[in-house]
Amino acid sequence: MTERLMDLVSTGRATASPDPRLDRLSEREVEVLTRVGLGETNDEIASALHLSPATARTYVSRILAKLSARDRPELVVIAHRSGLVR
């Protein structure tokens, strides 16, 4: 699914539309989601945002819960579809 989404995004056939579920997230959670959408690991997110790796993991877990997402790949799809990542 992620590969197909990336193909659509790279060819410009995918259109971003705001996901209303993103309103549930804090600004920091949106920053973390954006970095998840870029494919960054928790350690990379922690380093970029000056967090501990444990805090980055906690943010990812909270985002999963708030968006009712099954897993990290689904977060990547949400980030791309909502226009957080291009």
PDB file of N, CA and C in Angstrom:
ATOM      1  N   MET A   1       0.834  -1.177   0.000  1.00  0.00           N
ATOM      2  CA  MET A   1       0.000   0.000   0.000  1.00  0.00           C
ATOM      3  C   MET A   1       0.885   1.249   0.000  1.00  0.00           C
ATOM      4  N   THR A   2       1.913   1.260   0.829  1.00  0.00           N
ATOM      5  CA  THR A   2       2.798   2.425   0.896  1.00  0.00           C
ATOM      6  C   THR A   2       3.481   2.672  -0.441  1.00  0.00           C
ATOM      7  N   GLU A   3       3.909   1.602  -1.091  1.00  0.00           N
ATOM      8  CA  GLU A   3       4.569   1.736  -2.395  1.00  0.00           C
ATOM      9  C   GLU A   3       3.623   2.353  -3.415  1.00  0.00           C
ATOM     10  N   ARG A   4       2.380   1.911  -3.415  1.00  0.00           N
ATOM     11  CA  ARG A   4       1.384   2.440  -4.350  1.00  0.00           C
ATOM     12  C   ARG A   4       1.137   3.926  -4.076  1.00  0.00           C
ATOM     13  N   LEU A   5       1.048   4.282  -2.780  1.00  0.00           N
ATOM     14  CA  LEU A   5       0.854   5.679  -2.423  1.00  0.00           C
ATOM     15  C   LEU A   5       2.029   6.520  -2.895  1.00  0.00           C
ATOM     16  N   MET A   6       3.231   6.035  -2.697  1.00  0.00           N
ATOM     17  CA  MET A   6       4.416   6.779  -3.111  1.00  0.00           C
ATOM     18  C   MET A   6       4.434   6.964  -4.628  1.00  0.00           C
ATOM     19  N   ASP A   7       4.000   5.961  -5.369  1.00  0.00           N
ATOM     20  CA  ASP A   7       3.912   6.085  -6.821  1.00  0.00           C
ATOM     21  C   ASP A   7       2.937   7.196  -7.210  1.00  0.00           C
ATOM     22  N   LEU A   8       1.789   7.230  -6.547  1.00  0.00           N
ATOM     23  CA  LEU A   8       0.798   8.255  -6.845  1.00  0.00           C
ATOM     24  C   LEU A   8       1.326   9.639  -6.518  1.00  0.00           C
ATOM     25  N   VAL A   9       1.975   9.769  -5.375  1.00  0.00           N
ATOM     26  CA  VAL A   9       2.502  11.067  -4.968  1.00  0.00           C
ATOM     27  C   VAL A   9       3.587  11.528  -5.932  1.00  0.00           C
ATOM     28  N   SER A  10       4.470  10.629  -6.320  1.00  0.00           N
ATOM     29  CA  SER A  10       5.579  11.027  -7.190  1.00  0.00           C
ATOM     30  C   SER A  10       5.116  11.378  -8.602  1.00  0.00           C
ATOM     31  N   THR A  11       3.997  10.814  -9.048  1.00  0.00           N
ATOM     32  CA  THR A  11       3.501  11.141 -10.374  1.00  0.00           C
ATOM     33  C   THR A  11       2.533  12.320 -10.356  1.00  0.00           C
ATOM     34  N   GLY A  12       2.224  12.798  -9.146  1.00  0.00           N
ATOM     35  CA  GLY A  12       1.353  13.956  -9.039  1.00  0.00           C
ATOM     36  C   GLY A  12      -0.123  13.639  -9.193  1.00  0.00           C
ATOM     37  N   ARG A  13      -0.491  12.359  -9.179  1.00  0.00           N
ATOM     38  CA  ARG A  13      -1.905  12.015  -9.335  1.00  0.00           C
ATOM     39  C   ARG A  13      -2.638  11.982  -8.009  1.00  0.00           C
ATOM     40  N   ALA A  14      -1.911  12.011  -6.914  1.00  0.00           N
ATOM     41  CA  ALA A  14      -2.555  12.041  -5.613  1.00  0.00           C
ATOM     42  C   ALA A  14      -2.798  13.493  -5.216  1.00  0.00           C
ATOM     43  N   THR A  15      -3.944  13.765  -4.647  1.00  0.00           N
ATOM     44  CA  THR A  15      -4.226  15.109  -4.193  1.00  0.00           C
ATOM     45  C   THR A  15      -4.337  15.093  -2.678  1.00  0.00           C
ATOM     46  N   ALA A  16      -3.700  16.041  -2.042  1.00  0.00           N
ATOM     47  CA  ALA A  16      -3.747  16.122  -0.595  1.00  0.00           C
ATOM     48  C   ALA A  16      -5.032  16.803  -0.174  1.00  0.00           C
ATOM     49  N   SER A  17      -5.630  16.275   0.858  1.00  0.00           N
ATOM     50  CA  SER A  17      -6.798  16.916   1.431  1.00  0.00           C
ATOM     51  C   SER A  17      -6.673  16.818   2.940  1.00  0.00           C
ATOM     52  N   PRO A  18      -6.979  17.898   3.621  1.00  0.00           N
ATOM     53  CA  PRO A  18      -6.841  17.898   5.072  1.00  0.00           C
ATOM     54  C   PRO A  18      -7.675  16.795   5.707  1.00  0.00           C
ATOM     55  N   ASP A  19      -7.060  16.083   6.620  1.00  0.00           N
ATOM     56  CA  ASP A  19      -7.752  15.024   7.353  1.00  0.00           C
ATOM     57  C   ASP A  19      -8.292  15.657   8.633  1.00  0.00           C
ATOM     58  N   PRO A  20      -9.603  15.646   8.833  1.00  0.00           N
ATOM     59  CA  PRO A  20     -10.166  16.293  10.024  1.00  0.00           C
ATOM     60  C   PRO A  20      -9.652  15.691  11.332  1.00  0.00           C
ATOM     61  N   ARG A  21      -9.157  14.463  11.290  1.00  0.00           N
ATOM     62  CA  ARG A  21      -8.621  13.849  12.505  1.00  0.00           C
ATOM     63  C   ARG A  21      -7.369  14.565  12.990  1.00  0.00           C
ATOM     64  N   LEU A  22      -6.690  15.283  12.098  1.00  0.00           N
ATOM     65  CA  LEU A  22      -5.478  15.992  12.514  1.00  0.00           C
ATOM     66  C   LEU A  22      -5.780  17.103  13.512  1.00  0.00           C
ATOM     67  N   ASP A  23      -7.027  17.555  13.569  1.00  0.00           N
ATOM     68  CA  ASP A  23      -7.416  18.578  14.543  1.00  0.00           C
ATOM     69  C   ASP A  23      -7.264  18.069  15.975  1.00  0.00           C
ATOM     70  N   ARG A  24      -7.225  16.749  16.156  1.00  0.00           N
ATOM     71  CA  ARG A  24      -7.070  16.145  17.483  1.00  0.00           C
ATOM     72  C   ARG A  24      -5.636  16.234  17.995  1.00  0.00           C
ATOM     73  N   LEU A  25      -4.702  16.560  17.110  1.00  0.00           N
ATOM     74  CA  LEU A  25      -3.286  16.531  17.460  1.00  0.00           C
ATOM     75  C   LEU A  25      -2.778  17.898  17.897  1.00  0.00           C
ATOM     76  N   SER A  26      -1.832  17.866  18.831  1.00  0.00           N
ATOM     77  CA  SER A  26      -1.140  19.100  19.219  1.00  0.00           C
ATOM     78  C   SER A  26      -0.153  19.466  18.111  1.00  0.00           C
ATOM     79  N   GLU A  27       0.383  20.679  18.183  1.00  0.00           N
ATOM     80  CA  GLU A  27       1.373  21.093  17.189  1.00  0.00           C
ATOM     81  C   GLU A  27       2.572  20.153  17.185  1.00  0.00           C
ATOM     82  N   ARG A  28       3.025  19.758  18.362  1.00  0.00           N
ATOM     83  CA  ARG A  28       4.177  18.864  18.467  1.00  0.00           C
ATOM     84  C   ARG A  28       3.849  17.502  17.861  1.00  0.00           C
ATOM     85  N   GLU A  29       2.647  17.013  18.075  1.00  0.00           N
ATOM     86  CA  GLU A  29       2.246  15.737  17.494  1.00  0.00           C
ATOM     87  C   GLU A  29       2.216  15.813  15.970  1.00  0.00           C
ATOM     88  N   VAL A  30       1.804  16.948  15.439  1.00  0.00           N
ATOM     89  CA  VAL A  30       1.823  17.131  13.981  1.00  0.00           C
ATOM     90  C   VAL A  30       3.265  17.111  13.481  1.00  0.00           C
ATOM     91  N   GLU A  31       4.177  17.724  14.223  1.00  0.00           N
ATOM     92  CA  GLU A  31       5.593  17.683  13.847  1.00  0.00           C
ATOM     93  C   GLU A  31       6.108  16.249  13.816  1.00  0.00           C
ATOM     94  N   VAL A  32       5.741  15.484  14.837  1.00  0.00           N
ATOM     95  CA  VAL A  32       6.177  14.084  14.909  1.00  0.00           C
ATOM     96  C   VAL A  32       5.551  13.289  13.765  1.00  0.00           C
ATOM     97  N   LEU A  33       4.259  13.479  13.517  1.00  0.00           N
ATOM     98  CA  LEU A  33       3.593  12.774  12.423  1.00  0.00           C
ATOM     99  C   LEU A  33       4.252  13.091  11.085  1.00  0.00           C
ATOM    100  N   THR A  34       4.616  14.331  10.880  1.00  0.00           N
ATOM    101  CA  THR A  34       5.291  14.717   9.639  1.00  0.00           C
ATOM    102  C   THR A  34       6.591  13.941   9.481  1.00  0.00           C
ATOM    103  N   ARG A  35       7.340  13.811  10.550  1.00  0.00           N
ATOM    104  CA  ARG A  35       8.611  13.084  10.498  1.00  0.00           C
ATOM    105  C   ARG A  35       8.393  11.584  10.306  1.00  0.00           C
ATOM    106  N   VAL A  36       7.322  11.054  10.889  1.00  0.00           N
ATOM    107  CA  VAL A  36       6.971   9.650  10.627  1.00  0.00           C
ATOM    108  C   VAL A  36       6.658   9.498   9.140  1.00  0.00           C
ATOM    109  N   GLY A  37       5.932  10.456   8.589  1.00  0.00           N
ATOM    110  CA  GLY A  37       5.592  10.439   7.166  1.00  0.00           C
ATOM    111  C   GLY A  37       6.810  10.482   6.265  1.00  0.00           C
ATOM    112  N   LEU A  38       7.895  11.063   6.753  1.00  0.00           N
ATOM    113  CA  LEU A  38       9.143  11.110   5.997  1.00  0.00           C
ATOM    114  C   LEU A  38       9.944   9.812   6.138  1.00  0.00           C
ATOM    115  N   GLY A  39       9.442   8.909   6.966  1.00  0.00           N
ATOM    116  CA  GLY A  39      10.107   7.623   7.135  1.00  0.00           C
ATOM    117  C   GLY A  39      11.167   7.604   8.212  1.00  0.00           C
ATOM    118  N   GLU A  40      11.174   8.614   9.054  1.00  0.00           N
ATOM    119  CA  GLU A  40      12.181   8.669  10.110  1.00  0.00           C
ATOM    120  C   GLU A  40      11.876   7.681  11.227  1.00  0.00           C
ATOM    121  N   THR A  41      12.931   7.160  11.835  1.00  0.00           N
ATOM    122  CA  THR A  41      12.795   6.276  12.991  1.00  0.00           C
ATOM    123  C   THR A  41      12.545   7.126  14.238  1.00  0.00           C
ATOM    124  N   ASN A  42      12.180   6.463  15.325  1.00  0.00           N
ATOM    125  CA  ASN A  42      11.979   7.192  16.573  1.00  0.00           C
ATOM    126  C   ASN A  42      13.262   7.896  17.010  1.00  0.00           C
ATOM    127  N   ASP A  43      14.408   7.249  16.837  1.00  0.00           N
ATOM    128  CA  ASP A  43      15.685   7.869  17.206  1.00  0.00           C
ATOM    129  C   ASP A  43      15.957   9.112  16.355  1.00  0.00           C
ATOM    130  N   GLU A  44      15.651   9.038  15.064  1.00  0.00           N
ATOM    131  CA  GLU A  44      15.847  10.192  14.179  1.00  0.00           C
ATOM    132  C   GLU A  44      14.901  11.330  14.549  1.00  0.00           C
ATOM    133  N   ILE A  45      13.667  10.990  14.862  1.00  0.00           N
ATOM    134  CA  ILE A  45      12.692  11.996  15.289  1.00  0.00           C
ATOM    135  C   ILE A  45      13.167  12.654  16.578  1.00  0.00           C
ATOM    136  N   ALA A  46      13.619  11.840  17.517  1.00  0.00           N
ATOM    137  CA  ALA A  46      14.098  12.360  18.795  1.00  0.00           C
ATOM    138  C   ALA A  46      15.255  13.331  18.591  1.00  0.00           C
ATOM    139  N   SER A  47      16.187  12.958  17.755  1.00  0.00           N
ATOM    140  CA  SER A  47      17.347  13.813  17.504  1.00  0.00           C
ATOM    141  C   SER A  47      16.930  15.126  16.837  1.00  0.00           C
ATOM    142  N   ALA A  48      16.079  15.048  15.838  1.00  0.00           N
ATOM    143  CA  ALA A  48      15.666  16.241  15.090  1.00  0.00           C
ATOM    144  C   ALA A  48      14.854  17.205  15.944  1.00  0.00           C
ATOM    145  N   LEU A  49      14.035  16.666  16.851  1.00  0.00           N
ATOM    146  CA  LEU A  49      13.151  17.513  17.646  1.00  0.00           C
ATOM    147  C   LEU A  49      13.654  17.722  19.075  1.00  0.00           C
ATOM    148  N   HIS A  50      14.876  17.282  19.331  1.00  0.00           N
ATOM    149  CA  HIS A  50      15.500  17.453  20.647  1.00  0.00           C
ATOM    150  C   HIS A  50      14.668  16.823  21.759  1.00  0.00           C
ATOM    151  N   LEU A  51      14.294  15.555  21.525  1.00  0.00           N
ATOM    152  CA  LEU A  51      13.531  14.753  22.483  1.00  0.00           C
ATOM    153  C   LEU A  51      14.348  13.528  22.854  1.00  0.00           C
ATOM    154  N   SER A  52      13.945  12.862  23.903  1.00  0.00           N
ATOM    155  CA  SER A  52      14.547  11.563  24.177  1.00  0.00           C
ATOM    156  C   SER A  52      13.856  10.542  23.270  1.00  0.00           C
ATOM    157  N   PRO A  53      14.531   9.442  22.952  1.00  0.00           N
ATOM    158  CA  PRO A  53      13.876   8.400  22.144  1.00  0.00           C
ATOM    159  C   PRO A  53      12.597   7.879  22.789  1.00  0.00           C
ATOM    160  N   ALA A  54      12.582   7.796  24.109  1.00  0.00           N
ATOM    161  CA  ALA A  54      11.370   7.326  24.802  1.00  0.00           C
ATOM    162  C   ALA A  54      10.216   8.305  24.596  1.00  0.00           C
ATOM    163  N   THR A  55      10.515   9.587  24.618  1.00  0.00           N
ATOM    164  CA  THR A  55       9.466  10.588  24.390  1.00  0.00           C
ATOM    165  C   THR A  55       8.957  10.520  22.952  1.00  0.00           C
ATOM    166  N   ALA A  56       9.858  10.317  22.007  1.00  0.00           N
ATOM    167  CA  ALA A  56       9.438  10.161  20.606  1.00  0.00           C
ATOM    168  C   ALA A  56       8.510   8.961  20.464  1.00  0.00           C
ATOM    169  N   ARG A  57       8.864   7.849  21.098  1.00  0.00           N
ATOM    170  CA  ARG A  57       7.998   6.654  21.054  1.00  0.00           C
ATOM    171  C   ARG A  57       6.629   6.950  21.650  1.00  0.00           C
ATOM    172  N   THR A  58       6.626   7.691  22.754  1.00  0.00           N
ATOM    173  CA  THR A  58       5.356   8.041  23.397  1.00  0.00           C
ATOM    174  C   THR A  58       4.495   8.882  22.467  1.00  0.00           C
ATOM    175  N   TYR A  59       5.113   9.856  21.806  1.00  0.00           N
ATOM    176  CA  TYR A  59       4.356  10.674  20.844  1.00  0.00           C
ATOM    177  C   TYR A  59       3.764   9.810  19.743  1.00  0.00           C
ATOM    178  N   VAL A  60       4.556   8.911  19.180  1.00  0.00           N
ATOM    179  CA  VAL A  60       4.059   8.060  18.097  1.00  0.00           C
ATOM    180  C   VAL A  60       2.889   7.212  18.609  1.00  0.00           C
ATOM    181  N   SER A  61       3.002   6.668  19.802  1.00  0.00           N
ATOM    182  CA  SER A  61       1.912   5.861  20.370  1.00  0.00           C
ATOM    183  C   SER A  61       0.643   6.681  20.554  1.00  0.00           C
ATOM    184  N   ARG A  62       0.795   7.906  21.045  1.00  0.00           N
ATOM    185  CA  ARG A  62      -0.381   8.774  21.240  1.00  0.00           C
ATOM    186  C   ARG A  62      -1.022   9.146  19.906  1.00  0.00           C
ATOM    187  N   ILE A  63      -0.197   9.398  18.908  1.00  0.00           N
ATOM    188  CA  ILE A  63      -0.724   9.730  17.578  1.00  0.00           C
ATOM    189  C   ILE A  63      -1.489   8.542  17.009  1.00  0.00           C
ATOM    190  N   LEU A  64      -0.933   7.354  17.145  1.00  0.00           N
ATOM    191  CA  LEU A  64      -1.637   6.146  16.685  1.00  0.00           C
ATOM    192  C   LEU A  64      -3.016   6.062  17.331  1.00  0.00           C
ATOM    193  N   ALA A  65      -3.074   6.292  18.639  1.00  0.00           N
ATOM    194  CA  ALA A  65      -4.349   6.204  19.357  1.00  0.00           C
ATOM    195  C   ALA A  65      -5.311   7.301  18.924  1.00  0.00           C
ATOM    196  N   LYS A  66      -4.829   8.540  18.855  1.00  0.00           N
ATOM    197  CA  LYS A  66      -5.702   9.662  18.508  1.00  0.00           C
ATOM    198  C   LYS A  66      -6.263   9.550  17.096  1.00  0.00           C
ATOM    199  N   LEU A  67      -5.483   8.979  16.183  1.00  0.00           N
ATOM    200  CA  LEU A  67      -5.945   8.855  14.793  1.00  0.00           C
ATOM    201  C   LEU A  67      -6.584   7.498  14.506  1.00  0.00           C
ATOM    202  N   SER A  68      -6.660   6.653  15.527  1.00  0.00           N
ATOM    203  CA  SER A  68      -7.201   5.289  15.375  1.00  0.00           C
ATOM    204  C   SER A  68      -6.495   4.553  14.244  1.00  0.00           C
ATOM    205  N   ALA A  69      -5.187   4.731  14.187  1.00  0.00           N
ATOM    206  CA  ALA A  69      -4.382   4.072  13.148  1.00  0.00           C
ATOM    207  C   ALA A  69      -3.881   2.737  13.680  1.00  0.00           C
ATOM    208  N   ARG A  70      -3.789   1.756  12.784  1.00  0.00           N
ATOM    209  CA  ARG A  70      -3.346   0.411  13.167  1.00  0.00           C
ATOM    210  C   ARG A  70      -1.859   0.345  13.445  1.00  0.00           C
ATOM    211  N   ASP A  71      -1.084   1.050  12.615  1.00  0.00           N
ATOM    212  CA  ASP A  71       0.363   0.898  12.694  1.00  0.00           C
ATOM    213  C   ASP A  71       1.054   2.095  12.059  1.00  0.00           C
ATOM    214  N   ARG A  72       2.371   2.070  12.139  1.00  0.00           N
ATOM    215  CA  ARG A  72       3.177   3.172  11.624  1.00  0.00           C
ATOM    216  C   ARG A  72       2.997   3.395  10.118  1.00  0.00           C
ATOM    217  N   PRO A  73       2.936   2.330   9.293  1.00  0.00           N
ATOM    218  CA  PRO A  73       2.688   2.567   7.859  1.00  0.00           C
ATOM    219  C   PRO A  73       1.379   3.321   7.590  1.00  0.00           C
ATOM    220  N   GLU A  74       0.382   3.086   8.410  1.00  0.00           N
ATOM    221  CA  GLU A  74      -0.862   3.829   8.215  1.00  0.00           C
ATOM    222  C   GLU A  74      -0.651   5.313   8.535  1.00  0.00           C
ATOM    223  N   LEU A  75       0.203   5.609   9.505  1.00  0.00           N
ATOM    224  CA  LEU A  75       0.530   7.005   9.791  1.00  0.00           C
ATOM    225  C   LEU A  75       1.228   7.658   8.606  1.00  0.00           C
ATOM    226  N   VAL A  76       2.090   6.898   7.928  1.00  0.00           N
ATOM    227  CA  VAL A  76       2.768   7.413   6.737  1.00  0.00           C
ATOM    228  C   VAL A  76       1.732   7.788   5.677  1.00  0.00           C
ATOM    229  N   VAL A  77       0.770   6.931   5.476  1.00  0.00           N
ATOM    230  CA  VAL A  77      -0.282   7.197   4.487  1.00  0.00           C
ATOM    231  C   VAL A  77      -1.077   8.439   4.876  1.00  0.00           C
ATOM    232  N   ILE A  78      -1.434   8.546   6.143  1.00  0.00           N
ATOM    233  CA  ILE A  78      -2.190   9.710   6.611  1.00  0.00           C
ATOM    234  C   ILE A  78      -1.388  10.993   6.382  1.00  0.00           C
ATOM    235  N   ALA A  79      -0.104  10.952   6.716  1.00  0.00           N
ATOM    236  CA  ALA A  79       0.751  12.141   6.544  1.00  0.00           C
ATOM    237  C   ALA A  79       0.820  12.561   5.079  1.00  0.00           C
ATOM    238  N   HIS A  80       0.917  11.597   4.180  1.00  0.00           N
ATOM    239  CA  HIS A  80       0.998  11.920   2.754  1.00  0.00           C
ATOM    240  C   HIS A  80      -0.345  12.401   2.211  1.00  0.00           C
ATOM    241  N   ARG A  81      -1.390  11.704   2.550  1.00  0.00           N
ATOM    242  CA  ARG A  81      -2.709  12.086   2.028  1.00  0.00           C
ATOM    243  C   ARG A  81      -3.181  13.437   2.526  1.00  0.00           C
ATOM    244  N   SER A  82      -2.748  13.804   3.724  1.00  0.00           N
ATOM    245  CA  SER A  82      -3.194  15.072   4.286  1.00  0.00           C
ATOM    246  C   SER A  82      -2.296  16.234   3.871  1.00  0.00           C
ATOM    247  N   GLY A  83      -1.227  15.944   3.143  1.00  0.00           N
ATOM    248  CA  GLY A  83      -0.356  17.005   2.654  1.00  0.00           C
ATOM    249  C   GLY A  83       0.743  17.418   3.612  1.00  0.00           C
ATOM    250  N   LEU A  84       0.928  16.700   4.717  1.00  0.00           N
ATOM    251  CA  LEU A  84       2.014  17.024   5.633  1.00  0.00           C
ATOM    252  C   LEU A  84       3.365  16.732   4.994  1.00  0.00           C
ATOM    253  N   VAL A  85       3.383  15.746   4.119  1.00  0.00           N
ATOM    254  CA  VAL A  85       4.617  15.331   3.439  1.00  0.00           C
ATOM    255  C   VAL A  85       4.332  15.295   1.952  1.00  0.00           C
ATOM    256  N   ARG A  86       5.292  15.821   1.175  1.00  0.00           N
ATOM    257  CA  ARG A  86       5.145  15.789  -0.289  1.00  0.00           C
ATOM    258  C   ARG A  86       6.367  15.174  -0.890  1.00  0.00           C
TER     259      ARG A  86
END
